[in-house]
């Protein structure tokens, strides 16, 4: 199921990421990557303005891309262009709180999720994956020779 994300709209809806932060886009990409790892969905994030690296499309990994609008175009226009590229809209989900974009997507038959609702989905997945990583660290913890010796003394007595 492909997700198209209105990136700046999602950042604007996120209480812990600010559009004023120069790293806000990379922070959002990292959070969405964790989400994508757990879901395996195709995800495209569309940001406004010119890309920092000059690429209009950057494939971060398989099934995960960041897209910027073409010159003299907006992210909203780019999102509409991407949506128009689909033939079967029932499986497409647009993440935005922009009323015009939501109406456009619904008219096509795509699903929509508000940015704030999706933000909380991202946080739940991030919190869960953090707990899994913490548990793995504890399970995979390596003991030093000194620690092994101390445990052996305790259990040998």
N, C-alpha and C. Protein backbone atom coordinates (compact mmCIF):
# COMPACT_ATOMS: atom_id res chain seq x y z
N UNK A 1 0.83 -1.18 0.00
CA UNK A 1 0.00 0.00 0.00
C UNK A 1 0.88 1.25 0.00
N UNK A 2 0.84 2.03 -1.05
CA UNK A 2 1.67 3.24 -1.12
C UNK A 2 1.13 4.38 -0.24
N UNK A 3 2.06 5.07 0.40
CA UNK A 3 1.75 6.26 1.18
C UNK A 3 2.42 7.45 0.49
N UNK A 4 1.65 8.49 0.29
CA UNK A 4 2.19 9.77 -0.20
C UNK A 4 2.05 10.74 0.97
N UNK A 5 3.17 11.32 1.39
CA UNK A 5 3.16 12.18 2.58
C UNK A 5 3.48 13.62 2.20
N UNK A 6 2.60 14.52 2.60
CA UNK A 6 2.81 15.95 2.47
C UNK A 6 3.77 16.34 3.59
N UNK A 7 5.06 16.33 3.29
CA UNK A 7 6.12 16.42 4.31
C UNK A 7 6.07 17.65 5.19
N UNK A 8 6.01 18.84 4.58
CA UNK A 8 6.01 20.06 5.39
C UNK A 8 4.73 20.16 6.20
N UNK A 9 3.62 19.66 5.67
CA UNK A 9 2.36 19.64 6.39
C UNK A 9 2.48 18.75 7.62
N UNK A 10 3.13 17.61 7.47
CA UNK A 10 3.32 16.70 8.60
C UNK A 10 4.24 17.31 9.65
N UNK A 11 5.31 17.97 9.21
CA UNK A 11 6.20 18.64 10.16
C UNK A 11 5.43 19.71 10.93
N UNK A 12 4.60 20.47 10.22
CA UNK A 12 3.80 21.52 10.86
C UNK A 12 2.81 20.98 11.86
N UNK A 13 2.44 19.72 11.74
CA UNK A 13 1.49 19.09 12.67
C UNK A 13 2.20 18.36 13.81
N UNK A 14 3.51 18.30 13.76
CA UNK A 14 4.29 17.55 14.75
C UNK A 14 4.70 18.46 15.90
N UNK A 15 4.28 18.14 17.12
CA UNK A 15 4.64 18.99 18.25
C UNK A 15 6.13 18.99 18.57
N UNK A 16 6.87 17.97 18.14
CA UNK A 16 8.29 17.91 18.51
C UNK A 16 9.25 18.13 17.34
N UNK A 17 8.72 18.49 16.17
CA UNK A 17 9.57 18.88 15.04
C UNK A 17 9.05 20.22 14.55
N UNK A 18 9.93 21.18 14.37
CA UNK A 18 9.54 22.53 13.97
C UNK A 18 10.00 22.83 12.55
N UNK A 19 9.15 23.51 11.79
CA UNK A 19 9.55 23.95 10.45
C UNK A 19 10.71 24.94 10.52
N UNK A 20 10.90 25.57 11.67
CA UNK A 20 12.01 26.52 11.86
C UNK A 20 13.35 25.81 12.00
N UNK A 21 13.33 24.54 12.36
CA UNK A 21 14.55 23.75 12.54
C UNK A 21 15.12 23.38 11.17
N UNK A 22 16.37 23.76 10.88
CA UNK A 22 16.95 23.43 9.58
C UNK A 22 17.08 21.92 9.34
N UNK A 23 17.06 21.12 10.42
CA UNK A 23 17.15 19.67 10.29
C UNK A 23 15.79 18.98 10.35
N UNK A 24 14.72 19.76 10.29
CA UNK A 24 13.38 19.18 10.47
C UNK A 24 13.07 18.12 9.42
N UNK A 25 13.47 18.35 8.19
CA UNK A 25 13.17 17.38 7.13
C UNK A 25 13.92 16.07 7.35
N UNK A 26 15.19 16.15 7.70
CA UNK A 26 15.94 14.92 7.93
C UNK A 26 15.42 14.18 9.16
N UNK A 27 14.98 14.93 10.19
CA UNK A 27 14.40 14.29 11.37
C UNK A 27 13.12 13.54 10.98
N UNK A 28 12.29 14.18 10.16
CA UNK A 28 11.05 13.52 9.73
C UNK A 28 11.36 12.28 8.91
N UNK A 29 12.31 12.38 8.02
CA UNK A 29 12.69 11.23 7.18
C UNK A 29 13.13 10.06 8.07
N UNK A 30 13.91 10.34 9.10
CA UNK A 30 14.37 9.26 10.01
C UNK A 30 13.20 8.59 10.72
N UNK A 31 12.25 9.39 11.20
CA UNK A 31 11.10 8.83 11.91
C UNK A 31 10.24 7.99 10.96
N UNK A 32 10.04 8.50 9.75
CA UNK A 32 9.22 7.79 8.78
C UNK A 32 9.93 6.51 8.32
N UNK A 33 11.25 6.52 8.26
CA UNK A 33 12.01 5.31 7.91
C UNK A 33 11.74 4.19 8.91
N UNK A 34 11.73 4.53 10.19
CA UNK A 34 11.43 3.52 11.22
C UNK A 34 10.03 2.95 11.01
N UNK A 35 9.11 3.82 10.68
CA UNK A 35 7.74 3.39 10.42
C UNK A 35 7.71 2.45 9.22
N UNK A 36 8.41 2.83 8.16
CA UNK A 36 8.42 2.03 6.93
C UNK A 36 9.08 0.68 7.15
N UNK A 37 10.08 0.62 8.00
CA UNK A 37 10.74 -0.66 8.32
C UNK A 37 9.76 -1.65 8.94
N UNK A 38 8.85 -1.14 9.75
CA UNK A 38 7.90 -2.02 10.43
C UNK A 38 6.71 -2.37 9.56
N UNK A 39 6.43 -1.56 8.55
CA UNK A 39 5.24 -1.75 7.72
C UNK A 39 5.54 -2.27 6.31
N UNK A 40 6.71 -1.95 5.80
CA UNK A 40 7.14 -2.35 4.45
C UNK A 40 6.33 -1.69 3.33
N UNK A 41 5.65 -0.58 3.64
CA UNK A 41 4.89 0.14 2.62
C UNK A 41 5.80 0.93 1.70
N UNK A 42 5.34 1.20 0.49
CA UNK A 42 6.00 2.17 -0.37
C UNK A 42 5.66 3.54 0.18
N UNK A 43 6.68 4.36 0.42
CA UNK A 43 6.44 5.69 0.98
C UNK A 43 7.17 6.73 0.15
N UNK A 44 6.43 7.79 -0.18
CA UNK A 44 7.01 8.94 -0.86
C UNK A 44 6.68 10.17 -0.03
N UNK A 45 7.71 10.88 0.41
CA UNK A 45 7.52 12.15 1.13
C UNK A 45 7.78 13.27 0.13
N UNK A 46 6.85 14.21 0.06
CA UNK A 46 6.99 15.35 -0.84
C UNK A 46 7.16 16.61 0.00
N UNK A 47 8.29 17.31 -0.22
CA UNK A 47 8.57 18.56 0.47
C UNK A 47 8.45 19.73 -0.49
N UNK A 48 8.14 20.90 0.04
CA UNK A 48 8.10 22.13 -0.76
C UNK A 48 9.51 22.66 -0.98
N UNK A 49 9.65 23.52 -1.99
CA UNK A 49 10.90 24.21 -2.21
C UNK A 49 11.94 23.40 -2.96
N UNK A 50 13.13 23.98 -3.01
CA UNK A 50 14.24 23.35 -3.73
C UNK A 50 14.96 22.36 -2.82
N UNK A 51 15.40 21.25 -3.38
CA UNK A 51 16.15 20.28 -2.58
C UNK A 51 17.54 20.81 -2.24
N UNK A 52 18.06 20.39 -1.08
CA UNK A 52 19.40 20.84 -0.67
C UNK A 52 20.49 20.23 -1.53
N UNK A 53 20.28 18.99 -1.99
CA UNK A 53 21.31 18.32 -2.76
C UNK A 53 21.11 18.45 -4.27
N UNK A 54 20.08 19.18 -4.69
CA UNK A 54 19.84 19.41 -6.10
C UNK A 54 19.02 18.32 -6.79
N UNK A 55 18.75 17.21 -6.11
CA UNK A 55 17.97 16.12 -6.71
C UNK A 55 16.49 16.32 -6.43
N UNK A 56 15.67 16.23 -7.47
CA UNK A 56 14.24 16.35 -7.28
C UNK A 56 13.64 15.09 -6.68
N UNK A 57 14.32 13.97 -6.89
CA UNK A 57 13.88 12.69 -6.31
C UNK A 57 15.10 11.99 -5.74
N UNK A 58 15.00 11.62 -4.48
CA UNK A 58 16.08 10.89 -3.83
C UNK A 58 15.50 9.58 -3.29
N UNK A 59 16.00 8.47 -3.82
CA UNK A 59 15.57 7.18 -3.33
C UNK A 59 16.42 6.83 -2.12
N UNK A 60 15.83 6.94 -0.95
CA UNK A 60 16.54 6.70 0.31
C UNK A 60 16.88 5.21 0.43
N UNK A 61 15.92 4.39 0.08
CA UNK A 61 16.08 2.94 0.08
C UNK A 61 14.96 2.38 -0.78
N UNK A 62 14.96 1.08 -0.95
CA UNK A 62 13.89 0.45 -1.72
C UNK A 62 12.55 0.80 -1.08
N UNK A 63 11.63 1.26 -1.86
CA UNK A 63 10.27 1.59 -1.43
C UNK A 63 10.19 2.86 -0.58
N UNK A 64 11.23 3.69 -0.58
CA UNK A 64 11.21 4.92 0.23
C UNK A 64 11.90 6.04 -0.53
N UNK A 65 11.14 7.09 -0.87
CA UNK A 65 11.68 8.19 -1.66
C UNK A 65 11.29 9.54 -1.06
N UNK A 66 12.15 10.52 -1.30
CA UNK A 66 11.86 11.91 -0.97
C UNK A 66 11.82 12.67 -2.29
N UNK A 67 10.75 13.45 -2.48
CA UNK A 67 10.54 14.14 -3.75
C UNK A 67 10.34 15.64 -3.48
N UNK A 68 10.87 16.44 -4.40
CA UNK A 68 10.67 17.89 -4.36
C UNK A 68 9.98 18.30 -5.66
N UNK A 69 9.21 19.39 -5.62
CA UNK A 69 8.51 19.81 -6.83
C UNK A 69 9.46 20.33 -7.89
N UNK A 70 9.01 20.21 -9.11
CA UNK A 70 9.77 20.77 -10.23
C UNK A 70 9.76 22.28 -10.12
N UNK A 71 10.66 22.90 -10.84
CA UNK A 71 10.78 24.36 -10.80
C UNK A 71 9.43 25.01 -11.10
N UNK A 72 9.14 26.07 -10.38
CA UNK A 72 7.89 26.84 -10.49
C UNK A 72 6.65 25.98 -10.22
N UNK A 73 6.81 24.97 -9.39
CA UNK A 73 5.71 24.11 -8.99
C UNK A 73 5.69 24.04 -7.47
N UNK A 74 4.63 23.52 -6.92
CA UNK A 74 4.53 23.40 -5.46
C UNK A 74 4.45 21.92 -5.07
N UNK A 75 4.62 21.67 -3.78
CA UNK A 75 4.49 20.30 -3.28
C UNK A 75 3.08 19.78 -3.54
N UNK A 76 2.08 20.64 -3.38
CA UNK A 76 0.70 20.23 -3.63
C UNK A 76 0.50 19.78 -5.08
N UNK A 77 1.06 20.52 -6.01
CA UNK A 77 0.97 20.15 -7.42
C UNK A 77 1.72 18.85 -7.70
N UNK A 78 2.85 18.68 -7.04
CA UNK A 78 3.63 17.45 -7.20
C UNK A 78 2.87 16.25 -6.64
N UNK A 79 2.23 16.44 -5.50
CA UNK A 79 1.42 15.36 -4.91
C UNK A 79 0.28 14.98 -5.85
N UNK A 80 -0.37 15.95 -6.43
CA UNK A 80 -1.46 15.66 -7.39
C UNK A 80 -0.91 14.90 -8.59
N UNK A 81 0.26 15.31 -9.07
CA UNK A 81 0.88 14.62 -10.21
C UNK A 81 1.18 13.16 -9.86
N UNK A 82 1.72 12.94 -8.67
CA UNK A 82 2.02 11.58 -8.22
C UNK A 82 0.73 10.76 -8.11
N UNK A 83 -0.29 11.35 -7.50
CA UNK A 83 -1.56 10.64 -7.36
C UNK A 83 -2.16 10.29 -8.72
N UNK A 84 -2.03 11.20 -9.67
CA UNK A 84 -2.56 10.94 -11.02
C UNK A 84 -1.82 9.80 -11.72
N UNK A 85 -0.64 9.45 -11.24
CA UNK A 85 0.13 8.36 -11.82
C UNK A 85 -0.36 6.97 -11.43
N UNK A 86 -1.25 6.90 -10.46
CA UNK A 86 -1.78 5.62 -10.02
C UNK A 86 -3.02 5.26 -10.83
N UNK A 87 -3.18 3.97 -11.06
CA UNK A 87 -4.37 3.50 -11.77
C UNK A 87 -5.40 2.95 -10.81
N UNK A 88 -4.93 2.41 -9.69
CA UNK A 88 -5.81 1.80 -8.70
C UNK A 88 -5.63 2.57 -7.41
N UNK A 89 -6.55 3.45 -7.10
CA UNK A 89 -6.40 4.38 -5.99
C UNK A 89 -6.81 3.81 -4.64
N UNK A 90 -7.53 2.72 -4.63
CA UNK A 90 -8.06 2.19 -3.38
C UNK A 90 -6.97 1.87 -2.35
N UNK A 91 -5.79 1.50 -2.82
CA UNK A 91 -4.71 1.16 -1.91
C UNK A 91 -3.79 2.33 -1.58
N UNK A 92 -4.00 3.48 -2.21
CA UNK A 92 -3.14 4.65 -2.00
C UNK A 92 -3.65 5.45 -0.79
N UNK A 93 -2.71 5.87 0.07
CA UNK A 93 -3.07 6.69 1.22
C UNK A 93 -2.28 7.99 1.16
N UNK A 94 -3.00 9.10 1.22
CA UNK A 94 -2.38 10.42 1.26
C UNK A 94 -2.39 10.92 2.70
N UNK A 95 -1.22 11.34 3.18
CA UNK A 95 -1.08 11.88 4.53
C UNK A 95 -0.97 13.40 4.40
N UNK A 96 -2.02 14.10 4.80
CA UNK A 96 -2.03 15.56 4.77
C UNK A 96 -3.22 16.07 5.57
N UNK A 97 -3.12 17.33 5.98
CA UNK A 97 -4.27 18.00 6.59
C UNK A 97 -4.78 19.10 5.67
N UNK A 98 -4.19 19.21 4.50
CA UNK A 98 -4.59 20.19 3.50
C UNK A 98 -5.95 19.79 2.91
N UNK A 99 -6.95 20.64 3.10
CA UNK A 99 -8.32 20.31 2.68
C UNK A 99 -8.43 20.10 1.17
N UNK A 100 -7.76 20.93 0.39
CA UNK A 100 -7.83 20.80 -1.07
C UNK A 100 -7.20 19.48 -1.54
N UNK A 101 -6.06 19.13 -0.97
CA UNK A 101 -5.41 17.86 -1.34
C UNK A 101 -6.26 16.66 -0.91
N UNK A 102 -6.84 16.75 0.28
CA UNK A 102 -7.70 15.66 0.75
C UNK A 102 -8.89 15.46 -0.19
N UNK A 103 -9.49 16.56 -0.60
CA UNK A 103 -10.64 16.48 -1.50
C UNK A 103 -10.22 15.88 -2.84
N UNK A 104 -9.06 16.29 -3.35
CA UNK A 104 -8.54 15.76 -4.61
C UNK A 104 -8.33 14.25 -4.51
N UNK A 105 -7.70 13.81 -3.42
CA UNK A 105 -7.41 12.39 -3.23
C UNK A 105 -8.70 11.58 -3.09
N UNK A 106 -9.63 12.09 -2.31
CA UNK A 106 -10.90 11.38 -2.11
C UNK A 106 -11.68 11.27 -3.42
N UNK A 107 -11.61 12.32 -4.22
CA UNK A 107 -12.29 12.31 -5.53
C UNK A 107 -11.73 11.20 -6.42
N UNK A 108 -10.43 10.94 -6.28
CA UNK A 108 -9.78 9.87 -7.05
C UNK A 108 -10.07 8.49 -6.47
N UNK A 109 -10.48 8.45 -5.20
CA UNK A 109 -10.74 7.16 -4.55
C UNK A 109 -9.64 6.73 -3.60
N UNK A 110 -8.67 7.63 -3.37
CA UNK A 110 -7.58 7.32 -2.44
C UNK A 110 -8.04 7.56 -1.00
N UNK A 111 -7.36 6.91 -0.07
CA UNK A 111 -7.63 7.12 1.35
C UNK A 111 -6.84 8.35 1.80
N UNK A 112 -7.33 8.99 2.82
CA UNK A 112 -6.58 10.11 3.41
C UNK A 112 -6.50 9.92 4.92
N UNK A 113 -5.38 10.36 5.47
CA UNK A 113 -5.16 10.36 6.91
C UNK A 113 -4.62 11.74 7.25
N UNK A 114 -5.17 12.36 8.31
CA UNK A 114 -4.68 13.68 8.69
C UNK A 114 -3.24 13.58 9.19
N UNK A 115 -2.52 14.65 9.04
CA UNK A 115 -1.12 14.67 9.46
C UNK A 115 -0.96 14.40 10.94
N UNK A 116 -1.82 14.96 11.76
CA UNK A 116 -1.68 14.77 13.21
C UNK A 116 -1.98 13.31 13.58
N UNK A 117 -2.96 12.71 12.94
CA UNK A 117 -3.26 11.30 13.20
C UNK A 117 -2.07 10.41 12.81
N UNK A 118 -1.48 10.70 11.66
CA UNK A 118 -0.33 9.92 11.21
C UNK A 118 0.88 10.15 12.12
N UNK A 119 1.03 11.39 12.60
CA UNK A 119 2.12 11.69 13.53
C UNK A 119 2.05 10.76 14.75
N UNK A 120 0.84 10.58 15.29
CA UNK A 120 0.70 9.71 16.46
C UNK A 120 0.95 8.24 16.10
N UNK A 121 0.64 7.83 14.89
CA UNK A 121 1.00 6.48 14.43
C UNK A 121 2.52 6.33 14.41
N UNK A 122 3.20 7.36 13.89
CA UNK A 122 4.67 7.35 13.84
C UNK A 122 5.25 7.22 15.25
N UNK A 123 4.70 7.98 16.19
CA UNK A 123 5.21 7.96 17.56
C UNK A 123 5.01 6.59 18.21
N UNK A 124 3.85 5.96 17.95
CA UNK A 124 3.60 4.63 18.52
C UNK A 124 4.62 3.63 17.99
N UNK A 125 4.85 3.65 16.68
CA UNK A 125 5.81 2.72 16.08
C UNK A 125 7.21 3.02 16.59
N UNK A 126 7.57 4.28 16.71
CA UNK A 126 8.89 4.67 17.19
C UNK A 126 9.09 4.20 18.63
N UNK A 127 8.08 4.38 19.46
CA UNK A 127 8.17 3.95 20.86
C UNK A 127 8.31 2.43 20.93
N UNK A 128 7.53 1.70 20.13
CA UNK A 128 7.60 0.25 20.13
C UNK A 128 8.96 -0.24 19.63
N UNK A 129 9.46 0.35 18.52
CA UNK A 129 10.75 -0.10 17.99
C UNK A 129 11.88 0.24 18.95
N UNK A 130 11.72 1.33 19.71
CA UNK A 130 12.72 1.67 20.73
C UNK A 130 12.75 0.64 21.84
N UNK A 131 11.57 0.16 22.25
CA UNK A 131 11.51 -0.87 23.28
C UNK A 131 12.11 -2.18 22.78
N UNK A 132 11.86 -2.51 21.52
CA UNK A 132 12.42 -3.73 20.93
C UNK A 132 13.95 -3.62 20.89
N UNK A 133 14.46 -2.47 20.46
CA UNK A 133 15.91 -2.28 20.39
C UNK A 133 16.54 -2.37 21.77
N UNK A 134 15.87 -1.79 22.77
CA UNK A 134 16.39 -1.83 24.14
C UNK A 134 16.43 -3.27 24.65
N UNK A 135 15.39 -4.03 24.37
CA UNK A 135 15.36 -5.43 24.78
C UNK A 135 16.46 -6.23 24.09
N UNK A 136 16.66 -5.98 22.81
CA UNK A 136 17.73 -6.68 22.08
C UNK A 136 19.10 -6.37 22.68
N UNK A 137 19.31 -5.12 23.07
CA UNK A 137 20.59 -4.75 23.68
C UNK A 137 20.82 -5.55 24.95
N UNK A 138 19.75 -5.69 25.76
CA UNK A 138 19.89 -6.44 27.01
C UNK A 138 20.14 -7.92 26.74
N UNK A 139 19.46 -8.47 25.75
CA UNK A 139 19.62 -9.89 25.42
C UNK A 139 21.00 -10.15 24.84
N UNK A 140 21.46 -9.25 23.98
CA UNK A 140 22.73 -9.44 23.30
C UNK A 140 23.91 -8.86 24.07
N UNK A 141 23.69 -8.48 25.32
CA UNK A 141 24.77 -7.86 26.09
C UNK A 141 25.93 -8.83 26.26
N UNK A 142 27.11 -8.31 26.07
CA UNK A 142 28.31 -9.13 26.23
C UNK A 142 28.91 -8.83 27.60
N UNK A 143 29.31 -9.86 28.26
CA UNK A 143 29.93 -9.71 29.56
C UNK A 143 31.45 -9.72 29.41
N UNK A 144 32.10 -8.91 30.24
CA UNK A 144 33.56 -8.92 30.24
C UNK A 144 34.03 -10.17 30.98
N UNK A 145 35.29 -10.52 30.83
CA UNK A 145 35.86 -11.67 31.54
C UNK A 145 35.71 -11.50 33.05
N UNK A 146 35.89 -10.28 33.53
CA UNK A 146 35.77 -10.00 34.95
C UNK A 146 34.34 -10.27 35.43
N UNK A 147 33.35 -9.83 34.63
CA UNK A 147 31.95 -10.07 35.00
C UNK A 147 31.63 -11.56 35.00
N UNK A 148 32.14 -12.30 34.03
CA UNK A 148 31.93 -13.75 33.98
C UNK A 148 32.53 -14.39 35.22
N UNK A 149 33.73 -13.98 35.58
CA UNK A 149 34.38 -14.52 36.79
C UNK A 149 33.55 -14.24 38.04
N UNK A 150 33.00 -13.03 38.14
CA UNK A 150 32.18 -12.68 39.30
C UNK A 150 30.92 -13.55 39.35
N UNK A 151 30.27 -13.76 38.24
CA UNK A 151 29.07 -14.60 38.21
C UNK A 151 29.42 -16.06 38.51
N UNK A 152 30.55 -16.51 38.02
CA UNK A 152 30.97 -17.88 38.29
C UNK A 152 31.21 -18.09 39.78
N UNK A 153 31.79 -17.08 40.45
CA UNK A 153 32.01 -17.18 41.89
C UNK A 153 30.69 -17.28 42.63
N UNK A 154 29.73 -16.50 42.20
CA UNK A 154 28.41 -16.50 42.86
C UNK A 154 27.74 -17.85 42.71
N UNK A 155 27.77 -18.41 41.52
CA UNK A 155 27.04 -19.67 41.27
C UNK A 155 27.83 -20.93 41.62
N UNK A 156 29.14 -20.79 41.79
CA UNK A 156 29.95 -21.96 42.17
C UNK A 156 29.90 -22.22 43.66
N UNK A 157 29.56 -21.22 44.42
CA UNK A 157 29.59 -21.38 45.89
C UNK A 157 28.43 -22.15 46.41
